[in-house]
Amino acid sequence: MPGTPLVGWDDIAAVAPDGLAVLDCVGRFVRLNPAAVALCGAGKEAELLGVPAPFALAEGDGACWVGLLEEQPEGRSDGPSEERSDAQVAHWVSASGARREFAYRARTLASDPKFTVVSFRDVTDESHRQRRLVAIARTSIALATEGSLGSTLDAVAQQIVQADGLAGAQILTLDSTGRELRLMGSAGLRHWDVFLDRLLECRDRGARLCMLDSLKERKPIVVPHRWAQIREDPAWEPLHAYLGELNWDSFVSVPLMARGRPEGVLNAYFAPGQEIGSRTLEFLGAMAEQAALAVDYATLLQSEREGARRNERRRLARDLHDSIVQQVFSIGMQANAAGVLGTRGGPVPAEAVQQFAAEVGALSRTVLADLRAMVHELRPPSSARLGLEDAVSALVKSTENRTGLGIRFICDQELDVIEPELAEDMYRIIAEAIHNVVKHAEATTVTIRLGVRDHTLTASVRDDGRGIAASAGRGNAPEGKAGRTARHHGYGLTTMRERAERWGGTMRIRSGAKSGTTVRVVIPLPVRVPESPPTDPESSRSAQSAVPLPEAAKPARSGF
């Protein structure tokens, strides 16, 4: 009959697929339909009445879904693209601790403005999937931009943590021999220079490193409740305090595979209550592929650059030696001959000839020494031929003789354990730091410290000069010179930092107008991968719960 409703609104609310709730003027639940009760993780409506709701009372307050690669406000998650612009997102934690994301719309009740009606639905899985897609896209963008391998892998780790809300992530890479691991990227964990050293100590005490199983088997390894195992295992005592800073429970290790060979490993630390399903492992596999691409690209690029530098050094060294050096040497010989003629007397006063010979000889020897130094710099790396300590010593002596600067070189320990490429990069860092002191600091003394401590290569260069800021912007500099000085500092320091980050290290600078400048570089040495797993009986305890990934859940080689 017209005007007579066929179905009551209470009946409609009872079967509505979306959650419907009524809030009072302070945002507390006063009515909920069955769908709303279920979405909030409660058994019945009475459990939620009077409980503060997660929804904002103001209509359309900051409500919008962001684009795929746009930054989003704090606490706001990426949502499905089909949502209308007036939808908002609220975060809800049920009594059981489950975390959910609700997309909702709020409207004031027309008949009584003290109440607000909210319709909402669960978009947790959709938002999670969207965040993962965003993480993969942003990681691909990061791989295409200029930056060191360390900063790129840091960005990959950060995207993993943000996308899945993990407690932390680490990315370790293998060297060219496949025998040494180096920590190159991390997020969520405090940077600790001696982490690898302590990890090595745990392994020597019998601890089983599950990431080595992942590398060996070339497949992900899942370890439920790993933190509880580590906390109770005395073999892990050197890392108990450090890992205890992280609120985590389970652990997953995924190998980085490129061209059919392992390039490293991705370690993921899961927060308590987080589930590790096939989709999670699929996402970690995709991010591991992104990281492997970055490692492979950096390796190829570094090899190409080193080859080009080596060929250029040899060519320039040959050309300089065959032409300029020989010519300057001939000038010296002519000067000596003129000196001999001058001693015999004759029409030309002997004193004038001798003075000419002395001046030309001194000049030729100076030019010859400088050119030989250039040839020395252009030849294959000095640190590889002499060793790092001897190479730095030779650099110190050459700088002192050339500039009169007082340099104190302290080598705390033998450096034979340093591989040639790392030694070369550390030598270039120190050389650039000394160059900056000579060119800009106006210092009188420099102290260089170099050594290996706690399985970490450390170097510091400290001067008593005017500091970086003062040397870059001093008032008596000619127009434009301060800007050029600042740019030189920027280029040189950037190169030094990139060399340190290439090995997973850090560079810190302290500078003041009255205290001079100190450049400190810390590079953790790699952990050597054992030929076979430890045989100590204690090691089997932490390996018992290492669960290989089931065949159905393994990430495909293509990434999805």
Protein backbone atom coordinates (compact mmCIF):
# COMPACT_ATOMS: atom_id res chain seq x y z
CA MET A 1 0.00 0.00 0.00
CA PRO A 2 1.53 3.41 -0.92
CA GLY A 3 3.20 5.16 2.02
CA THR A 4 3.49 1.94 4.01
CA PRO A 5 7.12 0.70 4.31
CA LEU A 6 7.58 -2.91 3.29
CA VAL A 7 10.69 -3.40 5.50
CA GLY A 8 11.60 -1.69 8.75
CA TRP A 9 14.90 0.21 8.99
CA ASP A 10 15.98 -1.98 11.91
CA ASP A 11 15.62 -5.01 9.69
CA ILE A 12 17.72 -3.32 6.99
CA ALA A 13 20.47 -2.38 9.46
CA ALA A 14 20.53 -5.94 10.76
CA VAL A 15 21.41 -7.41 7.34
CA ALA A 16 23.46 -4.51 5.91
CA PRO A 17 26.88 -5.80 4.68
CA ASP A 18 28.70 -2.68 5.88
CA GLY A 19 29.07 -1.64 9.48
CA LEU A 20 26.59 0.97 10.72
CA ALA A 21 27.13 2.79 14.00
CA VAL A 22 25.66 5.74 15.87
CA LEU A 23 28.01 7.92 17.95
CA ASP A 24 27.12 10.37 20.66
CA CYS A 25 28.42 13.94 20.87
CA VAL A 26 31.79 12.86 22.31
CA GLY A 27 32.37 10.03 19.81
CA ARG A 28 31.27 6.97 21.81
CA PHE A 29 29.31 4.04 20.38
CA VAL A 30 25.59 4.10 21.26
CA ARG A 31 24.26 1.74 18.56
CA LEU A 32 25.88 -0.79 16.22
CA ASN A 33 24.46 -3.20 13.67
CA PRO A 34 25.69 -6.85 13.60
CA ALA A 35 28.18 -6.11 10.78
CA ALA A 36 29.73 -3.31 12.84
CA VAL A 37 30.02 -5.55 15.90
CA ALA A 38 31.76 -8.23 13.83
CA LEU A 39 34.13 -5.74 12.17
CA CYS A 40 35.17 -4.43 15.58
CA GLY A 41 35.97 -7.96 16.73
CA ALA A 42 33.30 -8.11 19.45
CA GLY A 43 30.84 -10.87 20.23
CA LYS A 44 27.84 -8.69 20.92
CA GLU A 45 26.77 -5.07 20.75
CA ALA A 46 26.81 -4.58 24.52
CA GLU A 47 30.61 -5.03 24.61
CA LEU A 48 31.05 -1.85 22.52
CA LEU A 49 28.42 0.48 23.92
CA GLY A 50 30.07 3.51 25.53
CA VAL A 51 33.50 2.62 24.03
CA PRO A 52 35.25 5.51 22.19
CA ALA A 53 34.97 5.00 18.43
CA PRO A 54 37.95 5.57 16.10
CA PHE A 55 35.95 7.81 13.76
CA ALA A 56 36.16 11.60 13.49
CA LEU A 57 32.85 13.38 14.14
CA ALA A 58 33.45 16.18 11.62
CA GLU A 59 32.19 15.32 8.16
CA GLY A 60 34.88 15.14 5.52
CA ASP A 61 37.65 16.26 7.90
CA GLY A 62 40.78 15.75 5.83
CA ALA A 63 39.11 12.93 3.95
CA CYS A 64 40.91 11.86 0.82
CA TRP A 65 42.70 8.91 -0.68
CA VAL A 66 46.17 9.70 -2.00
CA GLY A 67 47.60 8.61 -5.31
CA LEU A 68 49.85 5.63 -5.75
CA LEU A 69 53.15 7.45 -5.29
CA GLU A 70 52.02 10.50 -3.34
CA GLU A 71 53.06 11.11 0.23
CA GLN A 72 50.27 10.66 2.74
CA PRO A 73 49.55 12.40 6.05
CA GLU A 74 50.89 10.92 9.27
CA GLY A 75 48.81 7.96 10.36
CA ARG A 76 46.96 7.76 7.05
CA SER A 77 47.29 4.72 4.78
CA ASP A 78 47.08 4.37 1.04
CA GLY A 79 43.67 3.07 0.08
CA PRO A 80 41.90 1.67 -2.91
CA SER A 81 41.79 4.02 -5.87
CA GLU A 82 38.07 3.52 -6.43
CA GLU A 83 37.13 5.10 -3.08
CA ARG A 84 35.34 8.45 -3.27
CA SER A 85 37.20 11.52 -2.02
CA ASP A 86 34.95 11.91 1.05
CA ALA A 87 36.00 8.55 2.52
CA GLN A 88 38.28 8.59 5.53
CA VAL A 89 40.43 5.95 7.19
CA ALA A 90 40.35 4.99 10.86
CA HIS A 91 42.58 2.53 12.73
CA TRP A 92 41.00 0.16 15.25
CA VAL A 93 42.57 -2.29 17.72
CA SER A 94 40.13 -4.89 18.96
CA ALA A 95 40.10 -6.37 22.46
CA SER A 96 42.10 -9.33 21.11
CA GLY A 97 44.82 -6.99 19.81
CA ALA A 98 44.00 -7.35 16.11
CA ARG A 99 44.69 -4.16 14.13
CA ARG A 100 42.23 -3.19 11.40
CA GLU A 101 41.76 -0.28 9.01
CA PHE A 102 38.25 1.00 8.35
CA ALA A 103 37.16 3.18 5.43
CA TYR A 104 34.20 5.22 6.65
CA ARG A 105 31.83 8.13 6.05
CA ALA A 106 30.16 10.12 8.79
CA ARG A 107 26.95 12.17 8.68
CA THR A 108 25.17 14.13 11.40
CA LEU A 109 21.70 12.80 12.21
CA ALA A 110 19.21 15.33 10.82
CA SER A 111 16.58 14.71 13.48
CA ASP A 112 19.06 15.05 16.36
CA PRO A 113 22.45 16.77 15.61
CA LYS A 114 23.94 15.40 18.86
CA PHE A 115 24.32 12.04 17.14
CA THR A 116 26.49 11.02 14.17
CA VAL A 117 25.80 8.06 11.89
CA VAL A 118 28.86 6.24 10.49
CA SER A 119 29.01 3.59 7.79
CA PHE A 120 32.31 1.71 7.50
CA ARG A 121 33.99 -1.35 6.07
CA ASP A 122 37.28 -3.20 6.55
CA VAL A 123 39.98 -2.19 4.04
CA THR A 124 42.95 -3.65 5.92
CA ASP A 125 43.90 -6.14 3.20
CA GLU A 126 43.30 -3.67 0.38
CA SER A 127 45.43 -1.01 2.06
CA HIS A 128 48.14 -3.52 2.82
CA ARG A 129 48.27 -4.66 -0.77
CA GLN A 130 48.35 -1.04 -1.94
CA ARG A 131 51.24 -0.22 0.39
CA ARG A 132 53.19 -3.15 -0.97
CA LEU A 133 52.62 -2.02 -4.55
CA VAL A 134 53.74 1.47 -3.57
CA ALA A 135 56.85 0.03 -1.87
CA ILE A 136 57.81 -1.93 -4.99
CA ALA A 137 57.19 1.09 -7.23
CA ARG A 138 59.18 3.44 -5.02
CA THR A 139 62.00 0.91 -4.80
CA SER A 140 62.13 0.70 -8.59
CA ILE A 141 62.38 4.50 -8.71
CA ALA A 142 65.19 4.43 -6.13
CA LEU A 143 67.13 1.95 -8.26
CA ALA A 144 66.95 4.31 -11.22
CA THR A 145 68.30 7.33 -9.35
CA GLU A 146 71.88 8.25 -8.58
CA GLY A 147 73.10 7.14 -5.17
CA SER A 148 75.44 4.77 -3.43
CA LEU A 149 74.55 1.13 -2.99
CA GLY A 150 74.30 1.64 0.77
CA SER A 151 71.75 4.44 0.49
CA THR A 152 69.75 2.50 -2.12
CA LEU A 153 69.55 -0.62 0.06
CA ASP A 154 68.65 1.53 3.07
CA ALA A 155 65.73 2.85 1.02
CA VAL A 156 64.67 -0.71 0.08
CA ALA A 157 64.75 -1.77 3.75
CA GLN A 158 62.77 1.31 4.75
CA GLN A 159 60.07 0.57 2.17
CA ILE A 160 59.76 -3.01 3.47
CA VAL A 161 59.33 -1.83 7.05
CA GLN A 162 56.80 0.85 6.12
CA ALA A 163 54.74 -1.34 3.81
CA ASP A 164 54.27 -4.28 6.18
CA GLY A 165 54.74 -2.55 9.53
CA LEU A 166 57.68 -4.79 10.38
CA ALA A 167 59.86 -4.26 13.41
CA GLY A 168 63.00 -4.09 11.28
CA ALA A 169 64.81 -5.23 8.14
CA GLN A 170 68.43 -5.80 7.14
CA ILE A 171 70.08 -6.35 3.77
CA LEU A 172 73.48 -8.05 3.69
CA THR A 173 75.54 -8.52 0.54
CA LEU A 174 78.15 -11.07 -0.48
CA ASP A 175 81.51 -10.05 -1.88
CA SER A 176 82.72 -11.13 -5.32
CA THR A 177 84.11 -14.39 -3.93
CA GLY A 178 80.81 -15.29 -2.28
CA ARG A 179 82.58 -15.87 1.02
CA GLU A 180 82.07 -12.65 3.00
CA LEU A 181 78.88 -10.93 4.17
CA ARG A 182 78.62 -7.19 4.66
CA LEU A 183 75.69 -5.25 6.18
CA MET A 184 74.69 -2.67 3.56
CA GLY A 185 71.11 -1.64 4.32
CA SER A 186 68.84 -1.54 7.36
CA ALA A 187 65.69 0.03 8.79
CA GLY A 188 64.16 -0.10 12.23
CA LEU A 189 67.40 -1.22 13.88
CA ARG A 190 69.88 1.16 15.45
CA HIS A 191 73.10 1.54 13.47
CA TRP A 192 75.85 -0.29 15.34
CA ASP A 193 79.35 -0.39 13.89
CA VAL A 194 80.29 -3.67 15.61
CA PHE A 195 77.10 -5.60 14.78
CA LEU A 196 78.85 -7.97 12.38
CA ASP A 197 81.68 -8.46 14.84
CA ARG A 198 79.20 -9.51 17.53
CA LEU A 199 77.37 -11.72 15.04
CA LEU A 200 80.66 -13.43 14.26
CA GLU A 201 81.25 -13.90 17.98
CA CYS A 202 77.82 -15.53 18.36
CA ARG A 203 78.59 -17.90 15.50
CA ASP A 204 81.92 -18.85 17.09
CA ARG A 205 80.06 -19.61 20.32
CA GLY A 206 77.86 -22.10 18.49
CA ALA A 207 74.89 -19.98 17.40
CA ARG A 208 73.25 -21.03 14.15
CA LEU A 209 72.81 -18.21 11.61
CA CYS A 210 69.63 -19.08 9.74
CA MET A 211 70.46 -16.58 7.00
CA LEU A 212 73.35 -18.86 6.04
CA ASP A 213 70.82 -21.66 5.52
CA SER A 214 68.87 -19.33 3.24
CA LEU A 215 72.00 -18.59 1.22
CA LYS A 216 73.01 -22.23 1.04
CA GLU A 217 69.57 -23.55 0.10
CA ARG A 218 68.75 -20.50 -2.04
CA LYS A 219 65.22 -20.24 -0.68
CA PRO A 220 63.46 -18.30 2.09
CA ILE A 221 63.69 -19.59 5.64
CA VAL A 222 60.92 -18.83 8.14
CA VAL A 223 61.67 -19.03 11.87
CA PRO A 224 58.60 -18.53 14.10
CA HIS A 225 59.21 -17.03 17.57
CA ARG A 226 62.89 -16.55 16.79
CA TRP A 227 63.45 -13.86 19.43
CA ALA A 228 62.32 -16.20 22.22
CA GLN A 229 64.86 -18.78 21.01
CA ILE A 230 67.69 -16.25 20.80
CA ARG A 231 66.85 -14.74 24.18
CA GLU A 232 67.12 -18.15 25.86
CA ASP A 233 70.27 -19.26 24.01
CA PRO A 234 73.55 -18.25 25.77
CA ALA A 235 75.40 -18.50 22.46
CA TRP A 236 73.56 -15.32 21.39
CA GLU A 237 74.52 -13.36 24.53
CA PRO A 238 76.72 -10.81 22.65
CA LEU A 239 73.61 -9.66 20.74
CA HIS A 240 70.96 -10.00 23.44
CA ALA A 241 71.01 -6.31 24.42
CA TYR A 242 71.07 -5.02 20.85
CA LEU A 243 68.31 -7.28 19.51
CA GLY A 244 66.34 -6.67 22.69
CA GLU A 245 65.93 -3.01 21.69
CA LEU A 246 63.63 -4.19 18.90
CA ASN A 247 60.04 -5.25 19.58
CA TRP A 248 59.98 -8.37 17.44
CA ASP A 249 59.08 -12.06 17.47
CA SER A 250 59.47 -14.06 14.25
CA PHE A 251 62.17 -13.94 11.58
CA VAL A 252 62.38 -14.51 7.83
CA SER A 253 65.52 -14.65 5.70
CA VAL A 254 65.24 -14.38 1.90
CA PRO A 255 68.24 -14.78 -0.46
CA LEU A 256 69.04 -12.10 -3.02
CA MET A 257 69.38 -13.93 -6.32
CA ALA A 258 70.80 -12.41 -9.52
CA ARG A 259 71.83 -14.31 -12.64
CA GLY A 260 71.26 -17.57 -10.80
CA ARG A 261 73.72 -16.83 -8.00
CA PRO A 262 73.20 -15.48 -4.47
CA GLU A 263 74.19 -11.83 -4.03
CA GLY A 264 73.20 -11.53 -0.38
CA VAL A 265 70.29 -11.96 1.98
CA LEU A 266 67.26 -9.97 3.20
CA ASN A 267 66.43 -10.41 6.91
CA ALA A 268 62.95 -9.38 8.11
CA TYR A 269 62.05 -9.02 11.79
CA PHE A 270 58.29 -9.37 12.44
CA ALA A 271 56.49 -7.63 15.29
CA PRO A 272 54.59 -9.77 17.82
CA GLY A 273 51.25 -10.93 16.46
CA GLN A 274 52.17 -10.47 12.80
CA GLU A 275 51.38 -13.47 10.62
CA ILE A 276 53.76 -14.73 7.94
CA GLY A 277 51.62 -15.98 5.07
CA SER A 278 52.28 -16.74 1.44
CA ARG A 279 51.47 -13.17 0.35
CA THR A 280 53.93 -11.76 2.86
CA LEU A 281 56.66 -14.08 1.59
CA GLU A 282 55.75 -13.19 -1.98
CA PHE A 283 56.18 -9.49 -1.17
CA LEU A 284 59.54 -10.10 0.56
CA GLY A 285 60.64 -12.12 -2.47
CA ALA A 286 59.75 -9.24 -4.79
CA MET A 287 61.65 -6.75 -2.63
CA ALA A 288 64.61 -9.14 -2.44
CA GLU A 289 64.67 -9.19 -6.24
CA GLN A 290 64.75 -5.39 -6.25
CA ALA A 291 67.67 -5.42 -3.81
CA ALA A 292 69.48 -8.08 -5.86
CA LEU A 293 69.11 -5.92 -8.97
CA ALA A 294 70.66 -3.00 -7.11
CA VAL A 295 73.60 -5.13 -5.95
CA ASP A 296 74.14 -6.63 -9.39
CA TYR A 297 73.97 -3.22 -11.08
CA ALA A 298 76.40 -1.70 -8.56
CA THR A 299 78.82 -4.59 -9.08
CA LEU A 300 78.76 -4.24 -12.85
CA LEU A 301 79.07 -0.46 -12.66
CA GLN A 302 81.97 -0.62 -10.23
CA SER A 303 83.78 -3.18 -12.39
CA GLU A 304 83.30 -1.01 -15.47
CA ARG A 305 84.51 2.11 -13.67
CA GLU A 306 87.54 0.38 -12.20
CA GLY A 307 88.49 -1.00 -15.60
CA ALA A 308 88.18 2.43 -17.22
CA ARG A 309 90.21 4.06 -14.43
CA ARG A 310 92.91 1.41 -14.65
CA ASN A 311 93.26 1.78 -18.41
CA GLU A 312 93.32 5.57 -18.16
CA ARG A 313 95.96 5.52 -15.43
CA ARG A 314 98.20 3.26 -17.48
CA ARG A 315 97.77 5.34 -20.63
CA LEU A 316 98.49 8.65 -18.89
CA ALA A 317 101.40 7.19 -16.96
CA ARG A 318 102.94 5.86 -20.17
CA ASP A 319 102.42 9.12 -22.06
CA LEU A 320 103.86 11.27 -19.27
CA HIS A 321 106.86 9.02 -18.80
CA ASP A 322 107.66 8.77 -22.48
CA SER A 323 107.39 12.49 -23.18
CA ILE A 324 107.39 15.09 -20.40
CA VAL A 325 109.48 13.18 -17.86
CA GLN A 326 112.16 12.40 -20.43
CA GLN A 327 112.25 16.01 -21.59
CA VAL A 328 112.63 17.36 -18.10
CA PHE A 329 115.35 14.82 -17.43
CA SER A 330 117.20 16.11 -20.51
CA ILE A 331 116.96 19.67 -19.16
CA GLY A 332 118.65 18.46 -16.02
CA MET A 333 121.43 16.83 -18.01
CA GLN A 334 121.97 20.04 -20.01
CA ALA A 335 122.16 22.03 -16.83
CA ASN A 336 124.83 19.66 -15.50
CA ALA A 337 126.78 20.02 -18.75
CA ALA A 338 126.61 23.81 -18.51
CA GLY A 339 127.95 23.54 -15.00
CA VAL A 340 130.91 21.49 -16.21
CA LEU A 341 131.66 24.06 -18.93
CA GLY A 342 131.51 26.84 -16.44
CA THR A 343 134.22 25.26 -14.27
CA ARG A 344 136.68 25.35 -17.19
CA GLY A 345 136.72 29.13 -17.50
CA GLY A 346 136.62 30.94 -20.82
CA PRO A 347 134.78 33.85 -22.33
CA VAL A 348 131.70 33.17 -20.20
CA PRO A 349 132.19 33.91 -16.50
CA ALA A 350 132.29 30.68 -14.62
CA GLU A 351 130.24 32.06 -11.72
CA ALA A 352 127.34 32.99 -14.01
CA VAL A 353 127.38 29.58 -15.70
CA GLN A 354 127.48 27.80 -12.38
CA GLN A 355 124.56 29.87 -11.04
CA PHE A 356 122.58 29.17 -14.21
CA ALA A 357 123.33 25.48 -13.95
CA ALA A 358 122.29 25.37 -10.28
CA GLU A 359 119.01 27.13 -10.95
CA VAL A 360 118.09 25.03 -13.98
CA GLY A 361 119.11 21.85 -12.19
CA ALA A 362 117.04 22.69 -9.12
CA LEU A 363 114.06 23.60 -11.27
CA SER A 364 114.31 20.45 -13.34
CA ARG A 365 114.57 18.28 -10.25
CA THR A 366 111.49 19.93 -8.74
CA VAL A 367 109.45 19.54 -11.92
CA LEU A 368 110.69 15.98 -12.34
CA ALA A 369 109.69 15.12 -8.75
CA ASP A 370 106.24 16.60 -9.23
CA LEU A 371 105.69 14.78 -12.51
CA ARG A 372 106.85 11.52 -11.02
CA ALA A 373 104.33 12.06 -8.23
CA MET A 374 101.66 12.51 -10.90
CA VAL A 375 102.73 9.31 -12.59
CA HIS A 376 102.66 7.60 -9.19
CA GLU A 377 99.07 8.74 -8.65
CA LEU A 378 98.00 7.64 -12.14
CA ARG A 379 99.51 4.18 -11.85
CA PRO A 380 97.49 1.27 -10.41
CA PRO A 381 96.41 1.96 -6.80
CA SER A 382 99.32 2.56 -4.46
CA SER A 383 97.55 0.91 -1.53
CA ALA A 384 97.29 -2.32 -3.50
CA ARG A 385 101.02 -2.31 -4.23
CA LEU A 386 102.39 -0.99 -0.97
CA GLY A 387 99.75 -1.94 1.55
CA LEU A 388 97.46 0.58 3.24
CA GLU A 389 99.82 1.59 6.04
CA ASP A 390 102.82 2.11 3.75
CA ALA A 391 100.72 3.94 1.17
CA VAL A 392 99.40 6.41 3.76
CA SER A 393 102.93 6.82 5.18
CA ALA A 394 104.25 7.68 1.72
CA LEU A 395 101.40 10.15 1.23
CA VAL A 396 102.16 11.79 4.58
CA LYS A 397 105.86 12.20 3.78
CA SER A 398 105.13 13.56 0.31
CA THR A 399 102.63 16.10 1.71
CA GLU A 400 105.02 17.21 4.46
CA ASN A 401 107.86 17.73 1.99
CA ARG A 402 105.64 19.63 -0.41
CA THR A 403 103.72 21.85 2.01
CA GLY A 404 105.66 21.99 5.27
CA LEU A 405 102.53 20.87 7.11
CA GLY A 406 103.18 18.87 10.29
CA ILE A 407 101.42 15.51 10.03
CA ARG A 408 101.32 12.87 12.77
CA PHE A 409 100.37 9.40 11.53
CA ILE A 410 99.32 6.80 14.11
CA CYS A 411 98.62 3.27 12.90
CA ASP A 412 97.11 1.31 15.78
CA GLN A 413 97.26 -2.15 14.27
CA GLU A 414 98.51 -4.13 11.30
CA LEU A 415 96.24 -3.74 8.29
CA ASP A 416 97.10 -6.91 6.39
CA VAL A 417 93.54 -8.22 6.79
CA ILE A 418 92.11 -5.40 4.64
CA GLU A 419 91.21 -6.46 1.12
CA PRO A 420 92.85 -4.44 -1.69
CA GLU A 421 89.71 -2.68 -2.97
CA LEU A 422 88.69 -1.58 0.53
CA ALA A 423 92.26 -0.47 1.22
CA GLU A 424 92.23 1.61 -1.96
CA ASP A 425 88.97 3.32 -1.03
CA MET A 426 90.20 4.08 2.49
CA TYR A 427 93.44 5.46 1.05
CA ARG A 428 91.48 7.74 -1.30
CA ILE A 429 89.29 8.94 1.58
CA ILE A 430 92.35 9.86 3.66
CA ALA A 431 94.04 11.46 0.63
CA GLU A 432 90.97 13.61 -0.08
CA ALA A 433 90.76 14.64 3.59
CA ILE A 434 94.42 15.70 3.56
CA HIS A 435 93.89 17.53 0.27
CA ASN A 436 91.01 19.48 1.84
CA VAL A 437 93.20 20.42 4.80
CA VAL A 438 96.00 21.69 2.55
CA LYS A 439 93.69 23.64 0.24
CA HIS A 440 91.16 25.10 2.67
CA ALA A 441 91.86 24.65 6.38
CA GLU A 442 94.96 26.87 6.82
CA ALA A 443 96.05 24.38 9.46
CA THR A 444 99.51 23.88 10.98
CA THR A 445 99.18 20.30 12.22
CA VAL A 446 97.21 17.21 11.24
CA THR A 447 96.74 13.92 13.12
CA ILE A 448 95.81 10.77 11.23
CA ARG A 449 94.72 7.61 13.06
CA LEU A 450 94.18 4.33 11.26
CA GLY A 451 93.55 0.84 12.52
CA VAL A 452 91.30 -2.18 13.01
CA ARG A 453 89.32 -2.39 16.23
CA ASP A 454 86.52 -4.80 17.07
CA HIS A 455 86.50 -6.17 13.54
CA THR A 456 86.00 -2.62 12.24
CA LEU A 457 88.30 -0.48 10.10
CA THR A 458 88.45 3.06 11.48
CA ALA A 459 90.24 6.18 10.29
CA SER A 460 90.22 9.77 11.46
CA VAL A 461 91.87 12.91 10.10
CA ARG A 462 91.92 15.85 12.53
CA ASP A 463 93.36 19.32 11.83
CA ASP A 464 93.69 22.55 13.83
CA GLY A 465 92.44 24.78 11.02
CA ARG A 466 89.57 27.23 10.61
CA GLY A 467 86.79 24.68 10.01
CA ILE A 468 84.69 23.93 6.97
CA ALA A 469 82.13 26.72 7.38
CA ALA A 470 84.78 29.39 7.89
CA SER A 471 86.96 28.24 5.00
CA ALA A 472 83.93 28.09 2.69
CA GLY A 473 82.62 31.55 3.50
CA ARG A 474 85.48 33.70 4.82
CA GLY A 475 84.85 37.40 4.28
CA ASN A 476 88.13 38.23 2.54
CA ALA A 477 87.65 35.72 -0.26
CA PRO A 478 87.37 37.15 -3.78
CA GLU A 479 83.90 37.28 -5.28
CA GLY A 480 82.79 33.79 -6.21
CA LYS A 481 85.63 32.04 -4.44
CA ALA A 482 83.61 31.11 -1.36
CA GLY A 483 81.01 29.49 -3.56
CA ARG A 484 83.63 27.51 -5.46
CA THR A 485 85.23 26.45 -2.17
CA ALA A 486 81.88 25.28 -0.80
CA ARG A 487 81.18 23.32 -3.98
CA HIS A 488 84.63 21.70 -3.81
CA HIS A 489 83.96 20.69 -0.23
CA GLY A 490 80.62 19.28 -1.33
CA TYR A 491 82.04 17.23 -4.20
CA GLY A 492 84.99 15.95 -2.19
CA LEU A 493 82.97 15.07 0.90
CA THR A 494 80.30 13.40 -1.21
CA THR A 495 82.91 11.23 -2.90
CA MET A 496 84.42 10.32 0.47
CA ARG A 497 81.01 9.43 1.90
CA GLU A 498 80.11 7.32 -1.14
CA ARG A 499 83.38 5.39 -0.82
CA ALA A 500 82.57 4.63 2.84
CA GLU A 501 78.94 3.69 2.11
CA ARG A 502 80.07 1.34 -0.64
CA TRP A 503 81.36 -0.93 2.14
CA GLY A 504 78.45 -0.38 4.51
CA GLY A 505 80.38 2.21 6.52
CA THR A 506 79.72 5.71 7.75
CA MET A 507 81.54 9.05 7.68
CA ARG A 508 81.01 11.72 10.33
CA ILE A 509 82.42 15.25 10.38
CA ARG A 510 82.87 17.58 13.34
CA SER A 511 84.01 21.10 12.51
CA GLY A 512 84.35 24.41 14.30
CA ALA A 513 86.07 27.71 13.69
CA LYS A 514 88.23 27.26 16.81
CA SER A 515 88.43 23.49 17.06
CA GLY A 516 89.35 22.61 13.47
CA THR A 517 87.82 19.69 11.58
CA THR A 518 87.73 15.98 12.32
CA VAL A 519 86.69 13.46 9.68
CA ARG A 520 85.97 10.00 11.09
CA VAL A 521 85.27 6.96 8.90
CA VAL A 522 84.04 3.63 10.31
CA ILE A 523 83.72 0.57 8.05
CA PRO A 524 82.63 -2.79 9.56
CA LEU A 525 84.66 -5.65 8.18
CA PRO A 526 82.67 -8.49 6.58
CA VAL A 527 81.71 -11.74 8.28
CA ARG A 528 83.18 -14.74 6.55
CA VAL A 529 80.67 -17.36 5.48
CA PRO A 530 81.73 -20.78 6.85
CA GLU A 531 82.40 -23.63 4.48
CA SER A 532 79.91 -25.79 6.37
CA PRO A 533 77.40 -25.24 9.19
CA PRO A 534 78.79 -25.34 12.75
CA THR A 535 78.88 -28.82 14.26
CA ASP A 536 78.63 -27.70 17.88
CA PRO A 537 75.69 -29.51 19.55
CA GLU A 538 74.39 -26.20 20.92
CA SER A 539 73.86 -24.90 17.40
CA SER A 540 71.07 -27.38 16.74
CA ARG A 541 68.79 -25.77 19.28
CA SER A 542 68.15 -22.60 17.29
CA ALA A 543 67.90 -24.52 14.02
CA GLN A 544 65.11 -26.85 15.08
CA SER A 545 62.38 -24.31 14.36
CA ALA A 546 63.82 -23.02 11.09
CA VAL A 547 60.96 -23.80 8.72
CA PRO A 548 61.79 -24.00 4.98
CA LEU A 549 59.21 -22.26 2.82
CA PRO A 550 56.59 -24.70 1.46
CA GLU A 551 56.66 -25.24 -2.28
CA ALA A 552 53.28 -23.54 -2.74
CA ALA A 553 54.46 -20.40 -0.96
CA LYS A 554 57.84 -19.94 -2.61
CA PRO A 555 58.19 -16.65 -4.51
CA ALA A 556 58.45 -17.28 -8.24
CA ARG A 557 61.68 -16.37 -9.98
CA SER A 558 59.82 -13.64 -11.86
CA GLY A 559 58.85 -11.96 -8.59
CA PHE A 560 55.08 -12.73 -8.42
